[in-house]
Amino acid sequence: MKVYIALAARSGHLHGVPRHAINLARCLLGRREVTEVHLVAAPWQMHLVEDAAPCDDARLHLHAAPIGSSALSRNFWYYALLPKQAAQFKADIVHLACPAPVRKSAFHCPIVVTLHDLYPYDIPENFGFPKVMFNRAVLQQCLRAVDAIACVSQSTLSRLEQLNPLLALRASVIHNSVVPFTAAENGVPPQWRGQPFLLCVAQHRRNKNILLVLEVFQRLLQARQIASNTQLFIVGIQGPETSAIESFIVASGLSRSVVLLNGISDAQLHWCYRNCGLVIVASTLEGFGLPVAEALLAGCHVVCSNIPAFREVGGAYCQYVSLGPQQVEAFASAVRATLQKHKPEPIALPHLSPHLIAEEYMKLYRSLLPPPAANARSNQAALTSLVERRRLV
């Protein structure tokens, strides 16, 4: 089986979607029946793909998509050029790492899309107006055109069922594969000054609730409930909330205590997980909760908001805090209490293991392809027909 994975996106930094695509490639390469995996990224993503993707398997092929940096160019590539490249590689399955425009009639094989969330409907502030309307249109067009929808969580599938029950009939839950990071010697971020730190891994978007994390951190410092030299590392690409985050940091006098990290390597992110006091995640809404899973695998304490996606991933291993009028104090109390505990051992998450996730994807892919026996009968019938025509000639 040949699988074509498209992950071309706007950002050149590692975040949820490209990480999902790379982990998907790793999963599929663990299956003997997968003969080729074509991982196709934007030119500005190639350095991170080459750094993070497995490089010791000859079945993996990395490609730079011929696209420009504009949204129009990317969407045109997905709609008009991607089908031609997939045909050129003789792909059996095309897998979109996130929703994108799809010209169904141009494809020769089934198309699968990973649905991470329904943010265009649930958090329109992440996009702004009128851009959010375009994102909604692309999302709807893609979900209607593809052959199957792989939701990263039951939370995402449940939300899709609310928005469009008919589309949900072609959807199933296949969690993100999450594997422990490998140790690396060059993982220390240059911004670290030898001080204790808390860690927040989140893009600068409204639903990530980074301003709440900053308020909690400020409260802990002011109340002297953490050491005065404690830092807060916020790891994530910039976005609509960047300006508000930076303004809060300056106005609160936290410029020397808060470090914004953007575009760090896998090795540096792993170092942050392994060496932080704890991970704090205060999202109001999530599709999956990758930082929670990665933190548990790395042996971190996790204090996070009490939302379904985090419960689904973290189970009984996290300290959950309800969002509401007293959320700052509630988070501060949870952080203070958690920091007094011994550092936990890494938690195994077998339901997110590459072996299990690969098996679920292979079941999905096989359900979309003609059965081998049907192919054999079809080929035999075509050969018989050709022989008969030659006899008549």
Protein backbone atom coordinates (compact mmCIF):
# COMPACT_ATOMS: atom_id res chain seq x y z
CA MET A 1 0.00 0.00 0.00
CA LYS A 2 1.26 3.47 -0.93
CA VAL A 3 0.11 6.34 1.29
CA TYR A 4 0.40 10.03 0.41
CA ILE A 5 0.28 12.39 3.42
CA ALA A 6 -0.25 16.11 2.76
CA LEU A 7 0.75 18.45 5.59
CA ALA A 8 1.51 21.74 3.81
CA ALA A 9 0.62 24.58 6.18
CA ARG A 10 1.29 28.28 6.73
CA SER A 11 3.71 28.02 9.63
CA GLY A 12 7.29 26.86 9.27
CA HIS A 13 7.44 25.86 12.94
CA LEU A 14 6.57 22.53 14.48
CA HIS A 15 3.06 22.44 15.93
CA GLY A 16 0.12 20.07 16.20
CA VAL A 17 -0.71 19.38 12.54
CA PRO A 18 2.79 18.63 11.20
CA ARG A 19 3.57 16.69 14.36
CA HIS A 20 0.45 14.59 13.73
CA ALA A 21 1.48 13.98 10.10
CA ILE A 22 5.02 12.96 11.05
CA ASN A 23 3.75 10.63 13.78
CA LEU A 24 1.27 9.16 11.29
CA ALA A 25 4.15 8.42 8.92
CA ARG A 26 6.04 6.72 11.75
CA CYS A 27 3.00 4.57 12.53
CA LEU A 28 2.49 3.47 8.95
CA LEU A 29 6.15 2.59 8.48
CA GLY A 30 5.68 0.03 11.24
CA ARG A 31 3.41 -1.96 8.93
CA ARG A 32 4.94 -4.38 6.43
CA GLU A 33 2.07 -3.96 3.96
CA VAL A 34 2.91 -0.25 3.60
CA THR A 35 5.43 -0.10 0.76
CA GLU A 36 5.74 3.69 0.39
CA VAL A 37 4.90 6.76 2.47
CA HIS A 38 5.09 10.12 0.70
CA LEU A 39 5.20 13.01 3.16
CA VAL A 40 4.55 16.29 1.34
CA ALA A 41 5.15 19.63 3.07
CA ALA A 42 5.53 23.28 2.12
CA PRO A 43 9.09 24.38 1.27
CA TRP A 44 9.38 26.34 4.52
CA GLN A 45 8.42 23.23 6.51
CA MET A 46 11.05 20.93 5.04
CA HIS A 47 13.69 21.64 7.67
CA LEU A 48 11.38 20.63 10.53
CA VAL A 49 10.11 17.58 8.64
CA GLU A 50 13.63 16.42 7.87
CA ASP A 51 14.58 16.97 11.51
CA ALA A 52 11.59 15.17 13.03
CA ALA A 53 10.66 12.49 10.49
CA PRO A 54 12.29 9.03 10.67
CA CYS A 55 15.23 8.95 8.28
CA ASP A 56 16.26 5.29 8.48
CA ASP A 57 13.50 3.78 6.36
CA ALA A 58 13.85 3.72 2.57
CA ARG A 59 10.07 3.58 2.19
CA LEU A 60 9.71 7.17 3.42
CA HIS A 61 9.89 9.87 0.74
CA LEU A 62 9.90 13.57 1.65
CA HIS A 63 8.70 16.13 -0.90
CA ALA A 64 8.41 19.91 -1.02
CA ALA A 65 5.10 21.06 -2.49
CA PRO A 66 5.48 23.71 -5.23
CA ILE A 67 3.50 26.43 -3.45
CA GLY A 68 3.91 30.04 -2.39
CA SER A 69 3.39 31.49 1.05
CA SER A 70 -0.08 32.94 0.44
CA ALA A 71 -3.29 31.18 1.51
CA LEU A 72 -4.50 31.35 -2.10
CA SER A 73 -1.42 29.52 -3.35
CA ARG A 74 -1.70 26.79 -0.70
CA ASN A 75 -5.38 26.20 -1.32
CA PHE A 76 -4.85 26.13 -5.09
CA TRP A 77 -2.16 23.47 -4.62
CA TYR A 78 -4.47 21.32 -2.51
CA TYR A 79 -7.35 21.69 -4.96
CA ALA A 80 -5.64 21.53 -8.35
CA LEU A 81 -2.12 20.14 -8.06
CA LEU A 82 -2.18 17.64 -5.21
CA PRO A 83 -4.37 15.12 -7.14
CA LYS A 84 -1.85 15.10 -10.01
CA GLN A 85 1.07 14.43 -7.69
CA ALA A 86 -0.82 11.68 -5.87
CA ALA A 87 -1.52 10.03 -9.23
CA GLN A 88 2.13 10.42 -10.22
CA PHE A 89 3.17 8.53 -7.07
CA LYS A 90 0.43 5.93 -7.69
CA ALA A 91 -0.90 6.44 -4.19
CA ASP A 92 -3.49 3.99 -2.90
CA ILE A 93 -4.62 6.41 -0.16
CA VAL A 94 -4.35 10.20 0.11
CA HIS A 95 -4.40 11.41 3.71
CA LEU A 96 -4.87 15.10 4.43
CA ALA A 97 -3.29 16.00 7.78
CA CYS A 98 -5.95 18.71 8.21
CA PRO A 99 -8.97 19.95 6.23
CA ALA A 100 -8.17 21.60 2.88
CA PRO A 101 -10.01 22.18 -0.42
CA VAL A 102 -10.65 18.89 -2.24
CA ARG A 103 -11.50 18.33 -5.92
CA LYS A 104 -12.93 14.85 -5.53
CA SER A 105 -13.33 14.14 -9.26
CA ALA A 106 -9.58 14.58 -9.83
CA PHE A 107 -8.54 11.78 -7.46
CA HIS A 108 -7.99 8.19 -8.54
CA CYS A 109 -7.97 6.84 -4.98
CA PRO A 110 -9.80 7.30 -1.65
CA ILE A 111 -9.17 10.43 0.44
CA VAL A 112 -9.01 10.55 4.25
CA VAL A 113 -8.83 13.72 6.32
CA THR A 114 -7.85 14.09 9.96
CA LEU A 115 -10.29 16.32 11.81
CA HIS A 116 -8.59 17.85 14.83
CA ASP A 117 -11.34 20.24 15.91
CA LEU A 118 -14.24 22.43 14.84
CA TYR A 119 -12.57 25.73 15.77
CA PRO A 120 -14.04 27.75 12.87
CA TYR A 121 -17.42 27.22 14.52
CA ASP A 122 -16.44 27.03 18.18
CA ILE A 123 -13.67 29.65 18.45
CA PRO A 124 -14.21 32.16 15.60
CA GLU A 125 -11.89 34.59 17.44
CA ASN A 126 -8.98 32.35 16.41
CA PHE A 127 -9.50 33.46 12.82
CA GLY A 128 -11.20 36.85 12.86
CA PHE A 129 -13.87 38.11 10.50
CA PRO A 130 -14.28 37.59 7.55
CA LYS A 131 -11.48 34.98 7.47
CA VAL A 132 -13.48 32.65 9.70
CA MET A 133 -16.20 32.41 7.03
CA PHE A 134 -13.64 31.19 4.50
CA ASN A 135 -12.35 28.62 7.00
CA ARG A 136 -15.85 27.35 7.63
CA ALA A 137 -16.46 27.00 3.88
CA VAL A 138 -13.22 25.08 3.35
CA LEU A 139 -13.97 22.83 6.31
CA GLN A 140 -17.45 21.98 5.07
CA GLN A 141 -16.30 21.45 1.47
CA CYS A 142 -13.51 19.14 2.56
CA LEU A 143 -15.61 17.04 4.93
CA ARG A 144 -18.26 16.55 2.24
CA ALA A 145 -15.74 15.56 -0.44
CA VAL A 146 -13.52 13.06 1.37
CA ASP A 147 -14.25 9.36 1.70
CA ALA A 148 -13.56 9.14 5.43
CA ILE A 149 -13.02 11.46 8.41
CA ALA A 150 -10.62 10.46 11.18
CA CYS A 151 -11.44 12.41 14.36
CA VAL A 152 -8.56 12.69 16.82
CA SER A 153 -10.86 12.28 19.83
CA GLN A 154 -14.33 11.32 20.89
CA SER A 155 -14.78 14.98 21.84
CA THR A 156 -14.21 16.03 18.23
CA LEU A 157 -16.53 13.36 16.87
CA SER A 158 -19.26 14.34 19.32
CA ARG A 159 -18.99 17.96 18.24
CA LEU A 160 -19.18 16.94 14.56
CA GLU A 161 -22.32 14.92 15.33
CA GLN A 162 -23.88 18.05 16.80
CA LEU A 163 -23.00 20.21 13.81
CA ASN A 164 -23.70 17.74 11.01
CA PRO A 165 -25.00 14.25 11.85
CA LEU A 166 -24.80 13.13 8.20
CA LEU A 167 -21.10 13.93 7.92
CA ALA A 168 -20.48 12.17 11.21
CA LEU A 169 -21.68 8.92 9.64
CA ARG A 170 -18.40 8.81 7.67
CA ALA A 171 -16.31 9.66 10.72
CA SER A 172 -14.53 7.50 13.27
CA VAL A 173 -12.22 8.15 16.22
CA ILE A 174 -8.52 7.47 15.71
CA HIS A 175 -6.42 9.20 18.34
CA ASN A 176 -3.16 10.93 17.58
CA SER A 177 -0.19 8.67 17.96
CA VAL A 178 2.13 9.98 20.66
CA VAL A 179 5.54 8.50 21.34
CA PRO A 180 8.13 9.42 23.97
CA PHE A 181 10.84 11.76 22.75
CA THR A 182 14.31 10.34 22.30
CA ALA A 183 17.04 11.80 24.50
CA ALA A 184 19.39 14.33 22.88
CA GLU A 185 22.46 16.14 24.17
CA ASN A 186 21.70 19.44 22.44
CA GLY A 187 18.26 19.96 23.92
CA VAL A 188 18.82 22.86 26.31
CA PRO A 189 17.11 26.03 25.00
CA PRO A 190 19.56 28.97 24.93
CA GLN A 191 16.99 31.11 26.80
CA TRP A 192 17.28 28.98 29.97
CA ARG A 193 19.32 30.69 32.67
CA GLY A 194 19.56 27.84 35.14
CA GLN A 195 16.39 28.81 37.00
CA PRO A 196 13.36 26.65 37.90
CA PHE A 197 10.50 27.01 35.43
CA LEU A 198 6.92 26.06 34.70
CA LEU A 199 5.95 25.03 31.17
CA CYS A 200 2.97 25.91 28.96
CA VAL A 201 2.87 24.44 25.45
CA ALA A 202 0.27 26.34 23.43
CA GLN A 203 -0.16 28.37 20.27
CA HIS A 204 -1.09 32.02 20.75
CA ARG A 205 -4.79 31.48 20.11
CA ARG A 206 -7.86 32.43 22.12
CA ASN A 207 -8.88 28.91 23.16
CA LYS A 208 -5.42 28.21 24.62
CA ASN A 209 -6.17 30.69 27.41
CA ILE A 210 -2.55 31.80 27.81
CA LEU A 211 -3.61 35.03 29.50
CA LEU A 212 -5.10 32.91 32.30
CA VAL A 213 -1.80 31.04 32.65
CA LEU A 214 -0.01 34.39 32.95
CA GLU A 215 -2.44 35.58 35.62
CA VAL A 216 -1.91 32.37 37.58
CA PHE A 217 1.87 32.72 37.31
CA GLN A 218 1.69 36.36 38.42
CA ARG A 219 -0.51 35.40 41.41
CA LEU A 220 1.96 32.72 42.50
CA LEU A 221 4.90 35.12 42.32
CA GLN A 222 3.10 37.94 44.12
CA ALA A 223 1.96 35.60 46.91
CA ARG A 224 5.50 34.18 47.14
CA GLN A 225 4.11 30.70 46.67
CA ILE A 226 6.86 29.85 44.19
CA ALA A 227 10.51 30.88 44.20
CA SER A 228 11.01 34.48 43.05
CA ASN A 229 13.42 33.39 40.30
CA THR A 230 10.94 30.91 38.78
CA GLN A 231 10.34 31.39 35.06
CA LEU A 232 7.41 30.51 32.85
CA PHE A 233 8.27 29.02 29.45
CA ILE A 234 5.46 29.39 26.88
CA VAL A 235 6.20 27.24 23.83
CA GLY A 236 4.07 27.84 20.75
CA ILE A 237 3.82 29.65 17.45
CA GLN A 238 2.52 33.20 17.32
CA GLY A 239 -1.08 33.95 16.49
CA PRO A 240 -4.01 36.32 17.06
CA GLU A 241 -3.32 36.53 20.81
CA THR A 242 0.39 37.35 20.57
CA SER A 243 -0.10 41.10 20.97
CA ALA A 244 -2.32 40.71 24.05
CA ILE A 245 0.12 38.23 25.58
CA GLU A 246 3.12 40.50 25.07
CA SER A 247 1.20 43.51 26.43
CA PHE A 248 0.20 41.61 29.57
CA ILE A 249 3.79 40.51 30.17
CA VAL A 250 5.08 44.09 29.97
CA ALA A 251 2.25 45.64 31.99
CA SER A 252 2.62 43.02 34.74
CA GLY A 253 6.37 43.42 35.03
CA LEU A 254 6.98 39.82 34.00
CA SER A 255 9.41 40.50 31.15
CA ARG A 256 12.32 38.86 32.98
CA SER A 257 10.22 35.94 34.20
CA VAL A 258 8.30 34.86 31.10
CA VAL A 259 10.07 33.33 28.08
CA LEU A 260 8.19 33.00 24.78
CA LEU A 261 9.70 30.15 22.75
CA ASN A 262 8.78 29.75 19.10
CA GLY A 263 10.07 27.15 16.68
CA ILE A 264 12.16 25.07 19.05
CA SER A 265 13.33 21.58 18.08
CA ASP A 266 11.94 18.26 19.29
CA ALA A 267 15.04 17.84 21.42
CA GLN A 268 14.54 21.23 23.09
CA LEU A 269 10.84 20.56 23.70
CA HIS A 270 11.71 17.22 25.27
CA TRP A 271 14.26 18.92 27.51
CA CYS A 272 11.60 21.39 28.63
CA TYR A 273 9.19 18.58 29.54
CA ARG A 274 11.84 16.64 31.43
CA ASN A 275 13.16 19.60 33.42
CA CYS A 276 10.12 21.77 34.18
CA GLY A 277 8.45 21.91 37.57
CA LEU A 278 5.13 21.06 35.95
CA VAL A 279 3.10 21.60 32.79
CA ILE A 280 0.10 23.93 32.99
CA VAL A 281 -2.55 23.88 30.26
CA ALA A 282 -5.61 26.09 30.68
CA SER A 283 -7.45 25.69 27.36
CA THR A 284 -11.15 26.41 27.18
CA LEU A 285 -11.59 23.98 24.27
CA GLU A 286 -9.37 21.40 22.57
CA GLY A 287 -9.67 18.73 19.96
CA PHE A 288 -7.12 16.38 21.51
CA GLY A 289 -4.60 17.70 24.04
CA LEU A 290 -1.18 16.76 22.68
CA PRO A 291 0.82 18.63 25.36
CA VAL A 292 -0.99 16.67 28.07
CA ALA A 293 -0.08 13.35 26.44
CA GLU A 294 3.52 14.37 25.78
CA ALA A 295 3.93 15.63 29.35
CA LEU A 296 2.67 12.39 30.87
CA LEU A 297 4.95 10.34 28.64
CA ALA A 298 7.88 12.51 29.75
CA GLY A 299 7.10 12.10 33.44
CA CYS A 300 5.65 15.56 34.17
CA HIS A 301 3.09 16.76 36.64
CA VAL A 302 0.15 18.20 34.66
CA VAL A 303 -2.28 20.84 35.89
CA CYS A 304 -4.95 21.43 33.25
CA SER A 305 -8.45 22.69 32.70
CA ASN A 306 -11.28 20.25 33.25
CA ILE A 307 -12.46 19.81 29.66
CA PRO A 308 -13.49 16.56 27.88
CA ALA A 309 -10.49 16.35 25.53
CA PHE A 310 -8.02 16.53 28.41
CA ARG A 311 -9.99 13.99 30.44
CA GLU A 312 -9.98 11.67 27.43
CA VAL A 313 -6.20 11.85 27.12
CA GLY A 314 -5.05 12.32 30.70
CA GLY A 315 -7.41 10.03 32.59
CA ALA A 316 -6.58 9.93 36.29
CA TYR A 317 -3.04 11.23 35.88
CA CYS A 318 -3.69 14.99 35.75
CA GLN A 319 -4.79 17.61 38.25
CA TYR A 320 -7.95 19.07 36.72
CA VAL A 321 -9.21 22.59 37.42
CA SER A 322 -12.66 23.87 36.49
CA LEU A 323 -12.86 27.13 34.58
CA GLY A 324 -15.07 29.79 36.11
CA PRO A 325 -15.19 32.90 38.29
CA GLN A 326 -12.51 31.63 40.71
CA GLN A 327 -10.31 30.03 38.06
CA VAL A 328 -7.14 32.04 38.80
CA GLU A 329 -7.11 31.08 42.46
CA ALA A 330 -8.15 27.51 41.67
CA PHE A 331 -5.28 27.06 39.22
CA ALA A 332 -2.82 28.75 41.59
CA SER A 333 -3.84 26.42 44.42
CA ALA A 334 -3.53 23.35 42.16
CA VAL A 335 -0.08 24.44 40.95
CA ARG A 336 1.11 25.17 44.49
CA ALA A 337 -0.06 21.79 45.77
CA THR A 338 1.30 19.87 42.79
CA LEU A 339 4.76 21.41 43.05
CA GLN A 340 5.05 19.94 46.55
CA LYS A 341 4.72 16.39 45.21
CA HIS A 342 7.57 14.17 44.07
CA LYS A 343 8.23 14.16 40.35
CA PRO A 344 6.25 11.29 38.80
CA GLU A 345 7.54 8.49 36.62
CA PRO A 346 6.69 8.59 32.90
CA ILE A 347 3.19 7.28 32.25
CA ALA A 348 2.65 4.68 29.53
CA LEU A 349 -0.26 5.52 27.23
CA PRO A 350 -0.78 2.27 25.28
CA HIS A 351 -3.99 3.49 23.66
CA LEU A 352 -1.90 6.14 21.86
CA SER A 353 0.93 3.80 20.86
CA PRO A 354 2.09 3.72 17.21
CA HIS A 355 1.29 0.00 16.94
CA LEU A 356 -2.35 0.43 17.94
CA ILE A 357 -2.92 3.64 15.97
CA ALA A 358 -1.34 2.08 12.87
CA GLU A 359 -3.69 -0.87 13.11
CA GLU A 360 -6.70 1.44 13.34
CA TYR A 361 -5.59 3.42 10.30
CA MET A 362 -4.92 0.25 8.31
CA LYS A 363 -8.45 -0.95 9.07
CA LEU A 364 -9.81 2.38 7.88
CA TYR A 365 -7.71 2.38 4.71
CA ARG A 366 -8.61 -1.22 3.85
CA SER A 367 -12.31 -0.44 4.28
CA LEU A 368 -11.98 2.19 1.55
CA LEU A 369 -10.07 0.05 -0.95
CA PRO A 370 -11.55 -2.70 -3.15
CA PRO A 371 -10.99 -6.18 -1.68
CA PRO A 372 -7.97 -7.97 -3.18
CA ALA A 373 -10.23 -10.75 -4.50
CA ALA A 374 -12.40 -8.20 -6.29
CA ASN A 375 -9.29 -6.66 -7.84
CA ALA A 376 -8.08 -10.04 -8.98
CA ARG A 377 -11.46 -10.85 -10.56
CA SER A 378 -11.53 -7.45 -12.23
CA ASN A 379 -8.03 -7.89 -13.64
CA GLN A 380 -8.85 -11.41 -14.84
CA ALA A 381 -12.04 -10.20 -16.50
CA ALA A 382 -10.15 -7.43 -18.27
CA LEU A 383 -7.50 -9.90 -19.47
CA THR A 384 -10.15 -12.34 -20.74
CA SER A 385 -11.92 -9.53 -22.56
CA LEU A 386 -8.67 -8.45 -24.21
CA VAL A 387 -7.91 -12.02 -25.33
CA GLU A 388 -11.41 -12.37 -26.78
CA ARG A 389 -11.07 -9.11 -28.71
CA ARG A 390 -7.75 -10.23 -30.17
CA ARG A 391 -9.30 -13.49 -31.27
CA LEU A 392 -12.05 -11.63 -33.06
CA VAL A 393 -9.44 -9.51 -34.83
